[in-house]
């Protein structure tokens, strides 16, 4: 859910500024923690036309070792989830 919010906010930012934002603080409705506090959210910009958003499990959620990290990589509007797409279906 938190990474989907990042994606939506990034598309709004890109529409207004022409490039993706390099920091979560520039994106409305996003935060460095997921709403439930189970994941730490980070953002890495790749040249303004691409970014990688990562959700890293915290606390008890980190016991799910198969899905300790979820990623959303977007290049010019096209998204790819990973590293294990099955984790996104839970």
C-alpha atoms as a PDB file:
ATOM      1  CA  UNK A   1       0.000   0.000   0.000  1.00  0.00           C
ATOM      2  CA  UNK A   2       2.784   2.453   0.920  1.00  0.00           C
ATOM      3  CA  UNK A   3       4.666   1.792  -2.324  1.00  0.00           C
ATOM      4  CA  UNK A   4       1.490   2.275  -4.338  1.00  0.00           C
ATOM      5  CA  UNK A   5       1.073   5.651  -2.627  1.00  0.00           C
ATOM      6  CA  UNK A   6       4.639   6.542  -3.612  1.00  0.00           C
ATOM      7  CA  UNK A   7       3.904   5.591  -7.215  1.00  0.00           C
ATOM      8  CA  UNK A   8       0.739   7.690  -7.349  1.00  0.00           C
ATOM      9  CA  UNK A   9       2.461  10.671  -5.749  1.00  0.00           C
ATOM     10  CA  UNK A  10       5.424  10.328  -8.107  1.00  0.00           C
ATOM     11  CA  UNK A  11       3.159  10.435 -11.151  1.00  0.00           C
ATOM     12  CA  UNK A  12       1.478  13.585  -9.819  1.00  0.00           C
ATOM     13  CA  UNK A  13       4.890  15.132  -9.132  1.00  0.00           C
ATOM     14  CA  UNK A  14       6.160  14.174 -12.596  1.00  0.00           C
ATOM     15  CA  UNK A  15       3.064  15.678 -14.189  1.00  0.00           C
ATOM     16  CA  UNK A  16       3.710  18.990 -12.427  1.00  0.00           C
ATOM     17  CA  UNK A  17       7.537  19.080 -12.644  1.00  0.00           C
ATOM     18  CA  UNK A  18       8.510  16.949 -15.647  1.00  0.00           C
ATOM     19  CA  UNK A  19      10.696  14.573 -13.608  1.00  0.00           C
ATOM     20  CA  UNK A  20      10.286  12.241 -10.650  1.00  0.00           C
ATOM     21  CA  UNK A  21      11.035  13.484  -7.115  1.00  0.00           C
ATOM     22  CA  UNK A  22      14.261  12.430  -5.441  1.00  0.00           C
ATOM     23  CA  UNK A  23      12.928  12.546  -1.866  1.00  0.00           C
ATOM     24  CA  UNK A  24       9.823  11.244  -0.143  1.00  0.00           C
ATOM     25  CA  UNK A  25       9.360  14.598   1.571  1.00  0.00           C
ATOM     26  CA  UNK A  26       8.539  16.140  -1.833  1.00  0.00           C
ATOM     27  CA  UNK A  27       5.643  13.722  -2.341  1.00  0.00           C
ATOM     28  CA  UNK A  28       2.238  14.445  -0.816  1.00  0.00           C
ATOM     29  CA  UNK A  29       0.712  11.548   1.099  1.00  0.00           C
ATOM     30  CA  UNK A  30       3.949   9.608   1.581  1.00  0.00           C
ATOM     31  CA  UNK A  31       6.042   8.970   4.685  1.00  0.00           C
ATOM     32  CA  UNK A  32       9.234   7.136   5.652  1.00  0.00           C
ATOM     33  CA  UNK A  33       7.123   4.500   7.437  1.00  0.00           C
ATOM     34  CA  UNK A  34       4.156   2.531   6.138  1.00  0.00           C
ATOM     35  CA  UNK A  35       0.810   3.526   7.699  1.00  0.00           C
ATOM     36  CA  UNK A  36       0.918   0.497  10.026  1.00  0.00           C
ATOM     37  CA  UNK A  37       4.612   1.026  10.861  1.00  0.00           C
ATOM     38  CA  UNK A  38       5.622  -2.381   9.513  1.00  0.00           C
ATOM     39  CA  UNK A  39       7.893  -1.129   6.716  1.00  0.00           C
ATOM     40  CA  UNK A  40      10.512   1.566   6.296  1.00  0.00           C
ATOM     41  CA  UNK A  41      10.092   3.280   2.937  1.00  0.00           C
ATOM     42  CA  UNK A  42      13.020   4.628   0.927  1.00  0.00           C
ATOM     43  CA  UNK A  43      13.343   6.254  -2.470  1.00  0.00           C
ATOM     44  CA  UNK A  44      16.274   6.298  -4.901  1.00  0.00           C
ATOM     45  CA  UNK A  45      16.149   8.462  -8.003  1.00  0.00           C
ATOM     46  CA  UNK A  46      17.811   7.367 -11.224  1.00  0.00           C
ATOM     47  CA  UNK A  47      18.260  10.400 -13.469  1.00  0.00           C
ATOM     48  CA  UNK A  48      14.816  11.920 -12.985  1.00  0.00           C
ATOM     49  CA  UNK A  49      13.161   9.493 -15.414  1.00  0.00           C
ATOM     50  CA  UNK A  50      13.317   6.460 -13.135  1.00  0.00           C
ATOM     51  CA  UNK A  51      13.193   5.619  -9.455  1.00  0.00           C
ATOM     52  CA  UNK A  52      13.296   2.699  -7.063  1.00  0.00           C
ATOM     53  CA  UNK A  53      10.999   2.704  -4.039  1.00  0.00           C
ATOM     54  CA  UNK A  54      11.772   0.115  -1.369  1.00  0.00           C
ATOM     55  CA  UNK A  55       9.779  -1.110   1.616  1.00  0.00           C
ATOM     56  CA  UNK A  56      11.965  -2.900   4.184  1.00  0.00           C
ATOM     57  CA  UNK A  57      10.223  -4.916   6.900  1.00  0.00           C
ATOM     58  CA  UNK A  58      10.563  -3.794  10.532  1.00  0.00           C
ATOM     59  CA  UNK A  59       9.903  -5.504  13.849  1.00  0.00           C
ATOM     60  CA  UNK A  60       7.782  -8.672  13.772  1.00  0.00           C
ATOM     61  CA  UNK A  61       7.140  -8.180  10.021  1.00  0.00           C
ATOM     62  CA  UNK A  62      10.854  -8.876   9.424  1.00  0.00           C
ATOM     63  CA  UNK A  63      10.244 -12.495  10.470  1.00  0.00           C
ATOM     64  CA  UNK A  64       8.702 -13.029   7.040  1.00  0.00           C
ATOM     65  CA  UNK A  65      12.159 -13.583   5.569  1.00  0.00           C
ATOM     66  CA  UNK A  66      10.860 -14.449   2.094  1.00  0.00           C
ATOM     67  CA  UNK A  67       9.369 -10.972   1.829  1.00  0.00           C
ATOM     68  CA  UNK A  68      11.633  -8.834   3.993  1.00  0.00           C
ATOM     69  CA  UNK A  69      11.933  -6.294   1.188  1.00  0.00           C
ATOM     70  CA  UNK A  70       9.470  -5.169  -1.476  1.00  0.00           C
ATOM     71  CA  UNK A  71      10.553  -3.002  -4.382  1.00  0.00           C
ATOM     72  CA  UNK A  72       8.834  -0.898  -6.989  1.00  0.00           C
ATOM     73  CA  UNK A  73      11.027   0.151  -9.884  1.00  0.00           C
ATOM     74  CA  UNK A  74       9.551   2.674 -12.312  1.00  0.00           C
ATOM     75  CA  UNK A  75      11.150   3.773 -15.568  1.00  0.00           C
ATOM     76  CA  UNK A  76       9.324   6.402 -17.620  1.00  0.00           C
ATOM     77  CA  UNK A  77       5.979   5.426 -16.109  1.00  0.00           C
ATOM     78  CA  UNK A  78       6.371   1.648 -16.424  1.00  0.00           C
ATOM     79  CA  UNK A  79       6.421  -0.229 -13.110  1.00  0.00           C
ATOM     80  CA  UNK A  80       8.070  -3.487 -12.147  1.00  0.00           C
ATOM     81  CA  UNK A  81       7.542  -5.045  -8.719  1.00  0.00           C
ATOM     82  CA  UNK A  82      10.035  -7.249  -6.973  1.00  0.00           C
ATOM     83  CA  UNK A  83      12.158  -8.847  -5.892  1.00  0.00           C
ATOM     84  CA  UNK A  84       9.542 -11.564  -5.367  1.00  0.00           C
ATOM     85  CA  UNK A  85       6.272 -10.651  -7.125  1.00  0.00           C
ATOM     86  CA  UNK A  86       4.428 -13.204  -4.967  1.00  0.00           C
ATOM     87  CA  UNK A  87       5.025 -11.038  -1.909  1.00  0.00           C
ATOM     88  CA  UNK A  88       2.820  -8.357  -3.441  1.00  0.00           C
ATOM     89  CA  UNK A  89      -0.172 -10.712  -3.390  1.00  0.00           C
ATOM     90  CA  UNK A  90      -0.176 -11.265   0.371  1.00  0.00           C
END
